[in-house]
PDB file of N, CA and C in Angstrom:
ATOM      1  N   MET A   1     111.866 194.638 147.823  1.00  0.00           N
ATOM      2  CA  MET A   1     112.504 194.649 149.128  1.00  0.00           C
ATOM      3  C   MET A   1     113.113 196.024 149.399  1.00  0.00           C
ATOM      4  N   VAL A   2     113.008 196.429 150.627  1.00  0.00           N
ATOM      5  CA  VAL A   2     113.592 197.691 151.067  1.00  0.00           C
ATOM      6  C   VAL A   2     114.786 197.330 151.957  1.00  0.00           C
ATOM      7  N   ALA A   3     115.943 197.832 151.617  1.00  0.00           N
ATOM      8  CA  ALA A   3     117.206 197.423 152.236  1.00  0.00           C
ATOM      9  C   ALA A   3     117.219 197.520 153.764  1.00  0.00           C
ATOM     10  N   ASN A   4     116.674 198.582 154.337  1.00  0.00           N
ATOM     11  CA  ASN A   4     116.764 198.764 155.786  1.00  0.00           C
ATOM     12  C   ASN A   4     115.489 198.344 156.524  1.00  0.00           C
ATOM     13  N   CYS A   5     114.576 197.635 155.856  1.00  0.00           N
ATOM     14  CA  CYS A   5     113.312 197.215 156.462  1.00  0.00           C
ATOM     15  C   CYS A   5     113.502 195.904 157.223  1.00  0.00           C
ATOM     16  N   LEU A   6     113.207 195.923 158.515  1.00  0.00           N
ATOM     17  CA  LEU A   6     113.343 194.747 159.367  1.00  0.00           C
ATOM     18  C   LEU A   6     112.561 193.558 158.812  1.00  0.00           C
ATOM     19  N   PHE A   7     111.314 193.779 158.407  1.00  0.00           N
ATOM     20  CA  PHE A   7     110.498 192.661 157.939  1.00  0.00           C
ATOM     21  C   PHE A   7     110.923 192.180 156.559  1.00  0.00           C
ATOM     22  N   CYS A   8     111.475 193.038 155.723  1.00  0.00           N
ATOM     23  CA  CYS A   8     112.042 192.577 154.446  1.00  0.00           C
ATOM     24  C   CYS A   8     113.227 191.652 154.718  1.00  0.00           C
ATOM     25  N   LYS A   9     114.036 191.994 155.717  1.00  0.00           N
ATOM     26  CA  LYS A   9     115.174 191.143 156.081  1.00  0.00           C
ATOM     27  C   LYS A   9     114.696 189.798 156.623  1.00  0.00           C
ATOM     28  N   ILE A  10     113.630 189.804 157.405  1.00  0.00           N
ATOM     29  CA  ILE A  10     113.057 188.548 157.893  1.00  0.00           C
ATOM     30  C   ILE A  10     112.531 187.733 156.715  1.00  0.00           C
ATOM     31  N   ALA A  11     111.833 188.381 155.807  1.00  0.00           N
ATOM     32  CA  ALA A  11     111.274 187.689 154.634  1.00  0.00           C
ATOM     33  C   ALA A  11     112.369 187.054 153.779  1.00  0.00           C
ATOM     34  N   LYS A  12     113.521 187.698 153.719  1.00  0.00           N
ATOM     35  CA  LYS A  12     114.641 187.162 152.936  1.00  0.00           C
ATOM     36  C   LYS A  12     115.440 186.115 153.705  1.00  0.00           C
ATOM     37  N   GLY A  13     115.125 185.907 154.974  1.00  0.00           N
ATOM     38  CA  GLY A  13     115.845 184.928 155.785  1.00  0.00           C
ATOM     39  C   GLY A  13     117.127 185.457 156.382  1.00  0.00           C
ATOM     40  N   GLU A  14     117.334 186.772 156.344  1.00  0.00           N
ATOM     41  CA  GLU A  14     118.554 187.372 156.879  1.00  0.00           C
ATOM     42  C   GLU A  14     118.518 187.509 158.398  1.00  0.00           C
ATOM     43  N   ILE A  15     117.320 187.511 158.975  1.00  0.00           N
ATOM     44  CA  ILE A  15     117.156 187.608 160.424  1.00  0.00           C
ATOM     45  C   ILE A  15     116.351 186.388 160.860  1.00  0.00           C
ATOM     46  N   PRO A  16     116.884 185.595 161.786  1.00  0.00           N
ATOM     47  CA  PRO A  16     116.155 184.398 162.218  1.00  0.00           C
ATOM     48  C   PRO A  16     114.935 184.749 163.078  1.00  0.00           C
ATOM     49  N   VAL A  17     113.863 183.994 162.874  1.00  0.00           N
ATOM     50  CA  VAL A  17     112.636 184.154 163.649  1.00  0.00           C
ATOM     51  C   VAL A  17     112.076 182.766 163.953  1.00  0.00           C
ATOM     52  N   ASP A  18     111.141 182.715 164.876  1.00  0.00           N
ATOM     53  CA  ASP A  18     110.436 181.472 165.194  1.00  0.00           C
ATOM     54  C   ASP A  18     109.287 181.347 164.192  1.00  0.00           C
ATOM     55  N   LYS A  19     109.578 180.749 163.054  1.00  0.00           N
ATOM     56  CA  LYS A  19     108.671 180.696 161.921  1.00  0.00           C
ATOM     57  C   LYS A  19     107.569 179.658 162.128  1.00  0.00           C
ATOM     58  N   LEU A  20     106.338 180.077 161.831  1.00  0.00           N
ATOM     59  CA  LEU A  20     105.190 179.178 161.869  1.00  0.00           C
ATOM     60  C   LEU A  20     104.808 178.695 160.477  1.00  0.00           C
ATOM     61  N   PHE A  21     105.090 179.514 159.468  1.00  0.00           N
ATOM     62  CA  PHE A  21     104.646 179.212 158.119  1.00  0.00           C
ATOM     63  C   PHE A  21     105.428 180.082 157.135  1.00  0.00           C
ATOM     64  N   GLU A  22     105.631 179.524 155.947  1.00  0.00           N
ATOM     65  CA  GLU A  22     106.232 180.297 154.865  1.00  0.00           C
ATOM     66  C   GLU A  22     105.795 179.692 153.545  1.00  0.00           C
ATOM     67  N   ASP A  23     105.491 180.546 152.580  1.00  0.00           N
ATOM     68  CA  ASP A  23     105.273 180.117 151.203  1.00  0.00           C
ATOM     69  C   ASP A  23     105.896 181.165 150.290  1.00  0.00           C
ATOM     70  N   ASP A  24     105.549 181.171 149.033  1.00  0.00           N
ATOM     71  CA  ASP A  24     106.159 182.110 148.083  1.00  0.00           C
ATOM     72  C   ASP A  24     105.800 183.560 148.377  1.00  0.00           C
ATOM     73  N   ASP A  25     104.662 183.795 149.046  1.00  0.00           N
ATOM     74  CA  ASP A  25     104.159 185.155 149.256  1.00  0.00           C
ATOM     75  C   ASP A  25     104.248 185.659 150.687  1.00  0.00           C
ATOM     76  N   LEU A  26     104.233 184.746 151.665  1.00  0.00           N
ATOM     77  CA  LEU A  26     104.054 185.122 153.074  1.00  0.00           C
ATOM     78  C   LEU A  26     105.069 184.477 153.993  1.00  0.00           C
ATOM     79  N   VAL A  27     105.248 185.098 155.144  1.00  0.00           N
ATOM     80  CA  VAL A  27     105.976 184.499 156.260  1.00  0.00           C
ATOM     81  C   VAL A  27     105.160 184.798 157.519  1.00  0.00           C
ATOM     82  N   ALA A  28     104.999 183.791 158.366  1.00  0.00           N
ATOM     83  CA  ALA A  28     104.346 183.973 159.660  1.00  0.00           C
ATOM     84  C   ALA A  28     105.324 183.549 160.739  1.00  0.00           C
ATOM     85  N   PHE A  29     105.427 184.360 161.786  1.00  0.00           N
ATOM     86  CA  PHE A  29     106.392 184.081 162.856  1.00  0.00           C
ATOM     87  C   PHE A  29     105.881 184.636 164.172  1.00  0.00           C
ATOM     88  N   ARG A  30     106.362 184.047 165.259  1.00  0.00           N
ATOM     89  CA  ARG A  30     105.956 184.475 166.601  1.00  0.00           C
ATOM     90  C   ARG A  30     106.513 185.860 166.914  1.00  0.00           C
ATOM     91  N   ASP A  31     105.701 186.657 167.585  1.00  0.00           N
ATOM     92  CA  ASP A  31     106.107 188.003 168.000  1.00  0.00           C
ATOM     93  C   ASP A  31     107.166 187.888 169.094  1.00  0.00           C
ATOM     94  N   ILE A  32     108.188 188.740 169.036  1.00  0.00           N
ATOM     95  CA  ILE A  32     109.262 188.679 170.033  1.00  0.00           C
ATOM     96  C   ILE A  32     108.843 189.277 171.377  1.00  0.00           C
ATOM     97  N   ALA A  33     107.734 190.033 171.401  1.00  0.00           N
ATOM     98  CA  ALA A  33     107.210 190.606 172.647  1.00  0.00           C
ATOM     99  C   ALA A  33     105.718 190.298 172.709  1.00  0.00           C
ATOM    100  N   PRO A  34     105.363 189.028 172.922  1.00  0.00           N
ATOM    101  CA  PRO A  34     103.954 188.627 172.824  1.00  0.00           C
ATOM    102  C   PRO A  34     103.053 189.333 173.834  1.00  0.00           C
ATOM    103  N   GLN A  35     101.864 189.697 173.351  1.00  0.00           N
ATOM    104  CA  GLN A  35     100.861 190.359 174.171  1.00  0.00           C
ATOM    105  C   GLN A  35      99.710 189.424 174.525  1.00  0.00           C
ATOM    106  N   ALA A  36      99.828 188.160 174.153  1.00  0.00           N
ATOM    107  CA  ALA A  36      98.829 187.136 174.452  1.00  0.00           C
ATOM    108  C   ALA A  36      99.549 185.789 174.395  1.00  0.00           C
ATOM    109  N   PRO A  37      98.938 184.737 174.966  1.00  0.00           N
ATOM    110  CA  PRO A  37      99.583 183.421 174.900  1.00  0.00           C
ATOM    111  C   PRO A  37      99.943 182.997 173.472  1.00  0.00           C
ATOM    112  N   LEU A  38      99.089 183.333 172.518  1.00  0.00           N
ATOM    113  CA  LEU A  38      99.417 183.145 171.108  1.00  0.00           C
ATOM    114  C   LEU A  38      99.488 184.522 170.484  1.00  0.00           C
ATOM    115  N   HIS A  39     100.636 184.899 169.964  1.00  0.00           N
ATOM    116  CA  HIS A  39     100.812 186.193 169.296  1.00  0.00           C
ATOM    117  C   HIS A  39     101.843 185.995 168.205  1.00  0.00           C
ATOM    118  N   PHE A  40     101.372 186.071 166.976  1.00  0.00           N
ATOM    119  CA  PHE A  40     102.285 185.955 165.849  1.00  0.00           C
ATOM    120  C   PHE A  40     101.932 186.989 164.791  1.00  0.00           C
ATOM    121  N   LEU A  41     102.853 187.181 163.876  1.00  0.00           N
ATOM    122  CA  LEU A  41     102.672 188.121 162.775  1.00  0.00           C
ATOM    123  C   LEU A  41     102.647 187.360 161.462  1.00  0.00           C
ATOM    124  N   VAL A  42     101.872 187.876 160.525  1.00  0.00           N
ATOM    125  CA  VAL A  42     101.883 187.369 159.159  1.00  0.00           C
ATOM    126  C   VAL A  42     102.224 188.559 158.275  1.00  0.00           C
ATOM    127  N   ILE A  43     103.290 188.409 157.468  1.00  0.00           N
ATOM    128  CA  ILE A  43     103.749 189.503 156.613  1.00  0.00           C
ATOM    129  C   ILE A  43     103.850 189.034 155.163  1.00  0.00           C
ATOM    130  N   PRO A  44     103.675 189.977 154.230  1.00  0.00           N
ATOM    131  CA  PRO A  44     103.971 189.639 152.846  1.00  0.00           C
ATOM    132  C   PRO A  44     105.485 189.683 152.637  1.00  0.00           C
ATOM    133  N   LYS A  45     105.990 188.834 151.768  1.00  0.00           N
ATOM    134  CA  LYS A  45     107.417 188.885 151.461  1.00  0.00           C
ATOM    135  C   LYS A  45     107.750 190.141 150.667  1.00  0.00           C
ATOM    136  N   ARG A  46     106.825 190.560 149.834  1.00  0.00           N
ATOM    137  CA  ARG A  46     107.004 191.793 149.055  1.00  0.00           C
ATOM    138  C   ARG A  46     106.745 192.981 149.974  1.00  0.00           C
ATOM    139  N   HIS A  47     107.588 193.991 149.889  1.00  0.00           N
ATOM    140  CA  HIS A  47     107.413 195.160 150.749  1.00  0.00           C
ATOM    141  C   HIS A  47     106.137 195.900 150.393  1.00  0.00           C
ATOM    142  N   LEU A  48     105.335 196.105 151.419  1.00  0.00           N
ATOM    143  CA  LEU A  48     104.121 196.904 151.345  1.00  0.00           C
ATOM    144  C   LEU A  48     104.115 197.681 152.646  1.00  0.00           C
ATOM    145  N   ALA A  49     104.213 199.007 152.583  1.00  0.00           N
ATOM    146  CA  ALA A  49     104.408 199.813 153.791  1.00  0.00           C
ATOM    147  C   ALA A  49     103.268 199.687 154.796  1.00  0.00           C
ATOM    148  N   GLY A  50     102.060 199.551 154.328  1.00  0.00           N
ATOM    149  CA  GLY A  50     100.894 199.451 155.201  1.00  0.00           C
ATOM    150  C   GLY A  50      99.643 199.521 154.365  1.00  0.00           C
ATOM    151  N   PRO A  51      98.473 199.542 154.994  1.00  0.00           N
ATOM    152  CA  PRO A  51      97.225 199.585 154.230  1.00  0.00           C
ATOM    153  C   PRO A  51      97.142 200.757 153.245  1.00  0.00           C
ATOM    154  N   ASN A  52      97.677 201.906 153.616  1.00  0.00           N
ATOM    155  CA  ASN A  52      97.635 203.050 152.701  1.00  0.00           C
ATOM    156  C   ASN A  52      98.521 202.854 151.475  1.00  0.00           C
ATOM    157  N   GLY A  53      99.423 201.898 151.522  1.00  0.00           N
ATOM    158  CA  GLY A  53     100.303 201.634 150.385  1.00  0.00           C
ATOM    159  C   GLY A  53      99.749 200.615 149.399  1.00  0.00           C
ATOM    160  N   MET A  54      98.542 200.104 149.680  1.00  0.00           N
ATOM    161  CA  MET A  54      97.968 199.082 148.809  1.00  0.00           C
ATOM    162  C   MET A  54      97.652 199.654 147.429  1.00  0.00           C
ATOM    163  N   VAL A  55      97.876 198.826 146.422  1.00  0.00           N
ATOM    164  CA  VAL A  55      97.537 199.174 145.041  1.00  0.00           C
ATOM    165  C   VAL A  55      96.685 198.041 144.475  1.00  0.00           C
ATOM    166  N   GLY A  56      96.188 198.226 143.264  1.00  0.00           N
ATOM    167  CA  GLY A  56      95.346 197.217 142.629  1.00  0.00           C
ATOM    168  C   GLY A  56      95.971 195.836 142.689  1.00  0.00           C
ATOM    169  N   GLY A  57      95.194 194.867 143.081  1.00  0.00           N
ATOM    170  CA  GLY A  57      95.675 193.497 143.184  1.00  0.00           C
ATOM    171  C   GLY A  57      96.127 193.114 144.578  1.00  0.00           C
ATOM    172  N   ASP A  58      96.415 194.080 145.439  1.00  0.00           N
ATOM    173  CA  ASP A  58      96.871 193.768 146.800  1.00  0.00           C
ATOM    174  C   ASP A  58      95.762 193.168 147.658  1.00  0.00           C
ATOM    175  N   GLU A  59      94.509 193.334 147.242  1.00  0.00           N
ATOM    176  CA  GLU A  59      93.406 192.765 148.008  1.00  0.00           C
ATOM    177  C   GLU A  59      93.554 191.253 148.132  1.00  0.00           C
ATOM    178  N   PHE A  60      93.986 190.595 147.075  1.00  0.00           N
ATOM    179  CA  PHE A  60      94.182 189.145 147.108  1.00  0.00           C
ATOM    180  C   PHE A  60      95.269 188.787 148.124  1.00  0.00           C
ATOM    181  N   LEU A  61      96.364 189.531 148.115  1.00  0.00           N
ATOM    182  CA  LEU A  61      97.461 189.284 149.042  1.00  0.00           C
ATOM    183  C   LEU A  61      97.006 189.470 150.486  1.00  0.00           C
ATOM    184  N   ILE A  62      96.262 190.531 150.757  1.00  0.00           N
ATOM    185  CA  ILE A  62      95.788 190.798 152.118  1.00  0.00           C
ATOM    186  C   ILE A  62      94.803 189.708 152.542  1.00  0.00           C
ATOM    187  N   GLY A  63      93.963 189.270 151.636  1.00  0.00           N
ATOM    188  CA  GLY A  63      93.054 188.164 151.937  1.00  0.00           C
ATOM    189  C   GLY A  63      93.811 186.888 152.260  1.00  0.00           C
ATOM    190  N   LYS A  64      94.889 186.635 151.520  1.00  0.00           N
ATOM    191  CA  LYS A  64      95.713 185.458 151.774  1.00  0.00           C
ATOM    192  C   LYS A  64      96.377 185.553 153.148  1.00  0.00           C
ATOM    193  N   ILE A  65      96.817 186.753 153.524  1.00  0.00           N
ATOM    194  CA  ILE A  65      97.418 186.973 154.842  1.00  0.00           C
ATOM    195  C   ILE A  65      96.405 186.673 155.942  1.00  0.00           C
ATOM    196  N   MET A  66      95.177 187.168 155.783  1.00  0.00           N
ATOM    197  CA  MET A  66      94.149 186.943 156.806  1.00  0.00           C
ATOM    198  C   MET A  66      93.754 185.472 156.885  1.00  0.00           C
ATOM    199  N   ALA A  67      93.635 184.816 155.749  1.00  0.00           N
ATOM    200  CA  ALA A  67      93.295 183.388 155.753  1.00  0.00           C
ATOM    201  C   ALA A  67      94.398 182.582 156.436  1.00  0.00           C
ATOM    202  N   ALA A  68      95.655 182.930 156.164  1.00  0.00           N
ATOM    203  CA  ALA A  68      96.776 182.236 156.813  1.00  0.00           C
ATOM    204  C   ALA A  68      96.750 182.481 158.317  1.00  0.00           C
ATOM    205  N   GLY A  69      96.448 183.705 158.740  1.00  0.00           N
ATOM    206  CA  GLY A  69      96.372 184.013 160.165  1.00  0.00           C
ATOM    207  C   GLY A  69      95.314 183.187 160.871  1.00  0.00           C
ATOM    208  N   ALA A  70      94.127 183.075 160.270  1.00  0.00           N
ATOM    209  CA  ALA A  70      93.047 182.294 160.872  1.00  0.00           C
ATOM    210  C   ALA A  70      93.414 180.806 160.926  1.00  0.00           C
ATOM    211  N   ARG A  71      93.966 180.292 159.847  1.00  0.00           N
ATOM    212  CA  ARG A  71      94.341 178.880 159.799  1.00  0.00           C
ATOM    213  C   ARG A  71      95.407 178.560 160.839  1.00  0.00           C
ATOM    214  N   LEU A  72      96.421 179.427 160.938  1.00  0.00           N
ATOM    215  CA  LEU A  72      97.503 179.193 161.895  1.00  0.00           C
ATOM    216  C   LEU A  72      97.021 179.309 163.340  1.00  0.00           C
ATOM    217  N   ALA A  73      96.081 180.214 163.602  1.00  0.00           N
ATOM    218  CA  ALA A  73      95.509 180.309 164.952  1.00  0.00           C
ATOM    219  C   ALA A  73      94.836 178.986 165.312  1.00  0.00           C
ATOM    220  N   ARG A  74      94.014 178.470 164.400  1.00  0.00           N
ATOM    221  CA  ARG A  74      93.337 177.191 164.657  1.00  0.00           C
ATOM    222  C   ARG A  74      94.342 176.060 164.824  1.00  0.00           C
ATOM    223  N   GLU A  75      95.366 176.027 163.967  1.00  0.00           N
ATOM    224  CA  GLU A  75      96.383 174.969 164.065  1.00  0.00           C
ATOM    225  C   GLU A  75      97.150 175.030 165.380  1.00  0.00           C
ATOM    226  N   ASN A  76      97.160 176.201 166.013  1.00  0.00           N
ATOM    227  CA  ASN A  76      97.836 176.370 167.299  1.00  0.00           C
ATOM    228  C   ASN A  76      96.850 176.312 168.467  1.00  0.00           C
ATOM    229  N   GLY A  77      95.662 175.745 168.215  1.00  0.00           N
ATOM    230  CA  GLY A  77      94.703 175.488 169.269  1.00  0.00           C
ATOM    231  C   GLY A  77      93.851 176.659 169.694  1.00  0.00           C
ATOM    232  N   VAL A  78      93.816 177.730 168.889  1.00  0.00           N
ATOM    233  CA  VAL A  78      93.055 178.921 169.256  1.00  0.00           C
ATOM    234  C   VAL A  78      91.937 179.138 168.244  1.00  0.00           C
ATOM    235  N   GLU A  79      90.694 179.079 168.720  1.00  0.00           N
ATOM    236  CA  GLU A  79      89.525 179.269 167.851  1.00  0.00           C
ATOM    237  C   GLU A  79      89.007 180.708 167.888  1.00  0.00           C
ATOM    238  N   SER A  80      89.301 181.425 168.973  1.00  0.00           N
ATOM    239  CA  SER A  80      88.845 182.797 169.144  1.00  0.00           C
ATOM    240  C   SER A  80      90.083 183.681 169.200  1.00  0.00           C
ATOM    241  N   PHE A  81      90.173 184.636 168.298  1.00  0.00           N
ATOM    242  CA  PHE A  81      91.401 185.427 168.186  1.00  0.00           C
ATOM    243  C   PHE A  81      91.086 186.822 167.700  1.00  0.00           C
ATOM    244  N   ARG A  82      92.086 187.688 167.793  1.00  0.00           N
ATOM    245  CA  ARG A  82      91.962 189.069 167.318  1.00  0.00           C
ATOM    246  C   ARG A  82      93.001 189.314 166.248  1.00  0.00           C
ATOM    247  N   PHE A  83      92.584 189.989 165.181  1.00  0.00           N
ATOM    248  CA  PHE A  83      93.495 190.488 164.156  1.00  0.00           C
ATOM    249  C   PHE A  83      93.716 191.974 164.422  1.00  0.00           C
ATOM    250  N   VAL A  84      94.972 192.431 164.296  1.00  0.00           N
ATOM    251  CA  VAL A  84      95.294 193.854 164.437  1.00  0.00           C
ATOM    252  C   VAL A  84      96.217 194.246 163.290  1.00  0.00           C
ATOM    253  N   VAL A  85      95.855 195.343 162.609  1.00  0.00           N
ATOM    254  CA  VAL A  85      96.713 195.956 161.587  1.00  0.00           C
ATOM    255  C   VAL A  85      96.782 197.438 161.910  1.00  0.00           C
ATOM    256  N   ASN A  86      97.984 197.959 162.070  1.00  0.00           N
ATOM    257  CA  ASN A  86      98.175 199.374 162.368  1.00  0.00           C
ATOM    258  C   ASN A  86      98.637 200.105 161.109  1.00  0.00           C
ATOM    259  N   GLU A  87      98.188 201.342 160.954  1.00  0.00           N
ATOM    260  CA  GLU A  87      98.627 202.192 159.848  1.00  0.00           C
ATOM    261  C   GLU A  87      99.119 203.510 160.427  1.00  0.00           C
ATOM    262  N   GLY A  88     100.407 203.721 160.374  1.00  0.00           N
ATOM    263  CA  GLY A  88     100.988 204.969 160.843  1.00  0.00           C
ATOM    264  C   GLY A  88     101.438 204.920 162.297  1.00  0.00           C
ATOM    265  N   ALA A  89     102.379 205.791 162.604  1.00  0.00           N
ATOM    266  CA  ALA A  89     102.983 205.825 163.932  1.00  0.00           C
ATOM    267  C   ALA A  89     101.961 206.108 165.027  1.00  0.00           C
ATOM    268  N   GLU A  90     101.025 207.025 164.777  1.00  0.00           N
ATOM    269  CA  GLU A  90     100.035 207.374 165.789  1.00  0.00           C
ATOM    270  C   GLU A  90      99.129 206.184 166.127  1.00  0.00           C
ATOM    271  N   ALA A  91      98.957 205.281 165.188  1.00  0.00           N
ATOM    272  CA  ALA A  91      98.148 204.072 165.423  1.00  0.00           C
ATOM    273  C   ALA A  91      98.957 202.964 166.073  1.00  0.00           C
ATOM    274  N   GLY A  92     100.254 203.169 166.220  1.00  0.00           N
ATOM    275  CA  GLY A  92     101.099 202.175 166.871  1.00  0.00           C
ATOM    276  C   GLY A  92     101.992 201.384 165.931  1.00  0.00           C
ATOM    277  N   GLN A  93     101.989 201.728 164.646  1.00  0.00           N
ATOM    278  CA  GLN A  93     102.860 201.009 163.710  1.00  0.00           C
ATOM    279  C   GLN A  93     104.307 201.415 163.972  1.00  0.00           C
ATOM    280  N   THR A  94     105.158 200.425 164.223  1.00  0.00           N
ATOM    281  CA  THR A  94     106.577 200.701 164.473  1.00  0.00           C
ATOM    282  C   THR A  94     107.472 200.149 163.378  1.00  0.00           C
ATOM    283  N   VAL A  95     107.000 199.151 162.647  1.00  0.00           N
ATOM    284  CA  VAL A  95     107.724 198.633 161.483  1.00  0.00           C
ATOM    285  C   VAL A  95     106.837 198.921 160.283  1.00  0.00           C
ATOM    286  N   PHE A  96     107.336 199.714 159.361  1.00  0.00           N
ATOM    287  CA  PHE A  96     106.517 200.188 158.250  1.00  0.00           C
ATOM    288  C   PHE A  96     106.586 199.233 157.064  1.00  0.00           C
ATOM    289  N   HIS A  97     106.122 198.034 157.348  1.00  0.00           N
ATOM    290  CA  HIS A  97     105.957 196.939 156.389  1.00  0.00           C
ATOM    291  C   HIS A  97     104.663 196.276 156.852  1.00  0.00           C
ATOM    292  N   PHE A  98     103.693 196.141 155.968  1.00  0.00           N
ATOM    293  CA  PHE A  98     102.394 195.596 156.355  1.00  0.00           C
ATOM    294  C   PHE A  98     102.584 194.331 157.184  1.00  0.00           C
ATOM    295  N   HIS A  99     101.868 194.238 158.303  1.00  0.00           N
ATOM    296  CA  HIS A  99     101.886 193.027 159.110  1.00  0.00           C
ATOM    297  C   HIS A  99     100.581 192.881 159.862  1.00  0.00           C
ATOM    298  N   LEU A 100     100.134 191.654 159.911  1.00  0.00           N
ATOM    299  CA  LEU A 100      98.925 191.298 160.630  1.00  0.00           C
ATOM    300  C   LEU A 100      99.335 190.654 161.939  1.00  0.00           C
ATOM    301  N   HIS A 101      98.907 191.264 163.051  1.00  0.00           N
ATOM    302  CA  HIS A 101      99.085 190.637 164.358  1.00  0.00           C
ATOM    303  C   HIS A 101      97.917 189.685 164.562  1.00  0.00           C
ATOM    304  N   VAL A 102      98.198 188.482 165.024  1.00  0.00           N
ATOM    305  CA  VAL A 102      97.160 187.526 165.403  1.00  0.00           C
ATOM    306  C   VAL A 102      97.389 187.215 166.882  1.00  0.00           C
ATOM    307  N   LEU A 103      96.387 187.538 167.698  1.00  0.00           N
ATOM    308  CA  LEU A 103      96.477 187.361 169.143  1.00  0.00           C
ATOM    309  C   LEU A 103      95.334 186.492 169.625  1.00  0.00           C
ATOM    310  N   GLY A 104      95.630 185.562 170.519  1.00  0.00           N
ATOM    311  CA  GLY A 104      94.582 184.714 171.068  1.00  0.00           C
ATOM    312  C   GLY A 104      95.069 183.958 172.281  1.00  0.00           C
ATOM    313  N   GLY A 105      94.169 183.160 172.832  1.00  0.00           N
ATOM    314  CA  GLY A 105      94.515 182.353 173.986  1.00  0.00           C
ATOM    315  C   GLY A 105      94.195 183.001 175.319  1.00  0.00           C
ATOM    316  N   ARG A 106      93.540 184.163 175.283  1.00  0.00           N
ATOM    317  CA  ARG A 106      93.082 184.829 176.515  1.00  0.00           C
ATOM    318  C   ARG A 106      91.912 185.737 176.158  1.00  0.00           C
ATOM    319  N   ALA A 107      91.149 186.123 177.171  1.00  0.00           N
ATOM    320  CA  ALA A 107      90.061 187.077 176.965  1.00  0.00           C
ATOM    321  C   ALA A 107      90.657 188.453 176.658  1.00  0.00           C
ATOM    322  N   MET A 108      90.002 189.177 175.787  1.00  0.00           N
ATOM    323  CA  MET A 108      90.485 190.515 175.398  1.00  0.00           C
ATOM    324  C   MET A 108      89.378 191.532 175.594  1.00  0.00           C
ATOM    325  N   ALA A 109      89.769 192.716 176.022  1.00  0.00           N
ATOM    326  CA  ALA A 109      88.805 193.801 176.280  1.00  0.00           C
ATOM    327  C   ALA A 109      88.609 194.649 175.021  1.00  0.00           C
ATOM    328  N   TRP A 110      87.509 195.386 175.011  1.00  0.00           N
ATOM    329  CA  TRP A 110      87.261 196.354 173.955  1.00  0.00           C
ATOM    330  C   TRP A 110      86.736 197.608 174.601  1.00  0.00           C
ATOM    331  N   PRO A 111      87.219 198.772 174.260  1.00  0.00           N
ATOM    332  CA  PRO A 111      88.279 198.989 173.281  1.00  0.00           C
ATOM    333  C   PRO A 111      89.641 198.558 173.828  1.00  0.00           C
ATOM    334  N   PRO A 112      90.581 198.309 172.909  1.00  0.00           N
ATOM    335  CA  PRO A 112      91.887 197.785 173.335  1.00  0.00           C
ATOM    336  C   PRO A 112      92.690 198.752 174.177  1.00  0.00           C
ATOM    337  N   GLY A 113      92.452 200.052 174.060  1.00  0.00           N
ATOM    338  CA  GLY A 113      93.011 201.040 174.939  1.00  0.00           C
ATOM    339  C   GLY A 113      94.385 201.468 174.752  1.00  0.00           C
TER     340      GLY A 113
END
């Protein structure tokens, strides 16, 4: 855990969120500024700054995050969805703790722009 990390605080339960799922490794919660009818995040409880911070063994954790995102989208009535992971400020990452955005419930354009 990183003391000043917003998502570490959420993972520890220090900041309340609209939680969709939690287990020993992950927390999923609704985005506070949704960009689609369904927009939630899935984060690891262990601090991982982003994809560039991955080390050996993190592939399993990232796979678990993606599987949870797909399952939760379906459980919330969405069969067609988009996954987004940002790495670095220029890519739009604002919280430097790995997080998977899951967006669905509307048509989406490509490129996202």
